[in-house]
Protein backbone atom coordinates (compact mmCIF):
# COMPACT_ATOMS: atom_id res chain seq x y z
CA MET A 1 -65.25 136.55 -41.20
CA ALA A 2 -65.26 133.35 -39.23
CA LYS A 3 -62.27 131.55 -37.75
CA LEU A 4 -61.91 127.47 -37.69
CA SER A 5 -61.54 126.22 -34.64
CA SER A 6 -58.05 124.01 -34.45
CA THR A 7 -60.22 121.24 -32.34
CA LYS A 8 -63.35 119.56 -33.75
CA TYR A 9 -66.74 119.57 -32.05
CA PRO A 10 -66.70 117.92 -28.76
CA GLY A 11 -68.63 114.62 -28.84
CA ASP A 12 -68.08 110.57 -29.77
CA TRP A 13 -67.85 111.19 -33.57
CA GLU A 14 -65.35 108.27 -34.00
CA TYR A 15 -66.13 104.97 -35.37
CA HIS A 16 -64.86 102.22 -32.92
CA PRO A 17 -63.41 99.14 -34.54
CA GLY A 18 -65.80 96.35 -34.76
CA GLU A 19 -68.98 98.85 -34.32
CA GLU A 20 -72.01 98.07 -36.34
CA PHE A 21 -72.56 101.12 -38.72
CA THR A 22 -76.31 101.23 -37.51
CA VAL A 23 -74.79 101.77 -33.83
CA LYS A 24 -72.58 105.09 -35.08
CA LEU A 25 -75.33 105.89 -37.38
CA ALA A 26 -77.83 106.32 -34.18
CA ARG A 27 -74.97 107.89 -32.24
CA ASP A 28 -74.13 110.46 -34.59
CA GLU A 29 -77.84 111.18 -35.02
CA GLU A 30 -78.55 111.74 -31.68
CA GLN A 31 -75.57 114.07 -31.14
CA LEU A 32 -76.77 116.02 -34.12
CA LYS A 33 -80.22 116.49 -32.78
CA GLN A 34 -78.92 117.51 -29.50
CA ILE A 35 -77.21 120.35 -31.18
CA ILE A 36 -80.03 121.25 -33.19
CA ASP A 37 -82.35 121.21 -30.32
CA ASN A 38 -80.01 123.75 -28.19
CA GLN A 39 -79.59 126.22 -30.97
CA PRO A 40 -79.90 129.69 -29.93
CA LYS A 41 -82.42 131.98 -31.46
CA SER A 42 -81.80 134.56 -34.31
CA ASP A 43 -82.00 137.39 -32.06
CA ALA A 44 -80.02 135.83 -28.95
CA VAL A 45 -76.78 137.85 -28.01
CA SER A 46 -74.49 135.15 -28.36
CA LEU A 47 -74.68 132.71 -31.38
CA VAL A 48 -72.54 129.91 -29.41
CA GLY A 49 -74.22 126.42 -30.35
CA ALA A 50 -75.37 127.67 -33.61
CA LEU A 51 -75.39 124.85 -36.41
CA LEU A 52 -74.25 125.66 -39.89
CA ALA A 53 -74.65 123.35 -42.72
CA PHE A 54 -72.93 123.56 -46.08
CA PRO A 55 -73.72 121.09 -48.97
CA GLU A 56 -70.77 118.97 -49.84
CA GLY A 57 -70.75 115.97 -51.91
CA ASP A 58 -73.66 113.83 -51.33
CA GLY A 59 -74.35 115.33 -47.86
CA TYR A 60 -73.33 118.21 -45.74
CA ALA A 61 -70.50 119.62 -43.92
CA TYR A 62 -71.25 120.65 -40.21
CA TYR A 63 -70.27 123.27 -38.18
CA VAL A 64 -71.18 124.84 -34.74
CA VAL A 65 -70.56 128.38 -33.53
CA VAL A 66 -67.98 127.77 -30.57
CA LYS A 67 -67.20 131.48 -30.04
CA ASP A 68 -68.79 134.97 -30.81
CA LYS A 69 -65.33 137.37 -30.81
CA PRO A 70 -63.67 136.50 -33.07
CA LEU A 71 -66.51 134.33 -34.53
CA THR A 72 -65.29 130.87 -34.68
CA VAL A 73 -66.99 127.51 -35.77
CA ALA A 74 -65.80 123.68 -34.81
CA TRP A 75 -66.10 121.15 -37.49
CA VAL A 76 -68.58 118.59 -36.75
CA PRO A 77 -67.29 115.18 -38.01
CA TYR A 78 -71.12 113.66 -38.63
CA LEU A 79 -71.19 110.24 -40.92
CA ASP A 80 -69.21 110.78 -43.90
CA GLU A 81 -67.04 113.23 -42.30
CA TRP A 82 -67.50 116.18 -45.04
CA GLN A 83 -65.78 119.58 -44.86
CA ALA A 84 -66.35 122.75 -46.41
CA ASP A 85 -63.67 125.02 -48.11
CA GLU A 86 -61.78 127.41 -45.99
CA CYS A 87 -63.04 130.20 -48.21
CA THR A 88 -66.30 129.12 -47.10
CA ILE A 89 -65.88 129.27 -43.54
CA ARG A 90 -63.96 132.57 -43.73
CA GLY A 91 -67.20 133.98 -45.55
CA VAL A 92 -69.40 133.10 -42.62
CA THR A 93 -70.36 136.29 -40.95
CA GLU A 94 -72.47 137.14 -37.59
CA ALA A 95 -75.12 138.51 -40.16
CA TYR A 96 -74.98 135.29 -41.99
CA VAL A 97 -75.31 132.91 -38.69
CA ARG A 98 -78.41 135.30 -37.80
CA GLN A 99 -80.21 134.84 -41.39
CA ALA A 100 -79.43 130.99 -41.04
CA LEU A 101 -80.94 130.72 -37.79
CA LYS A 102 -83.83 132.90 -39.08
CA ARG A 103 -84.51 130.43 -42.01
CA LYS A 104 -84.70 127.53 -39.73
CA GLU A 105 -87.36 129.38 -37.39
CA PHE A 106 -89.28 129.98 -40.65
CA TRP A 107 -89.28 126.64 -41.44
CA LYS A 108 -89.82 125.04 -38.11
CA LYS A 109 -93.01 127.17 -37.97
CA GLY A 110 -94.16 125.58 -41.26
CA GLY A 111 -93.11 127.75 -43.44
């Protein structure tokens, strides 16, 4: 069972007053790409850095594993800042994270 971190995932996720939307979009996409590019492998000892995405509204709620024991995830306030229900977060287990990483590895190879 995962816990939700009391702080959001670090980064510059805020909208800055007067900022063009395209600037925030590019910044958020670059930060998310960095998270994706630095995820652990499914067989890694530590799962810290694994990105989880849960369908919400017209997009996804994103979370990153920030601690292995107890399994803890931090919310990533990407673009529309969707958040998953608490019961979804509580249902995340180490096995779930490893399976999610395996699926990503499978599709990265071309399916």
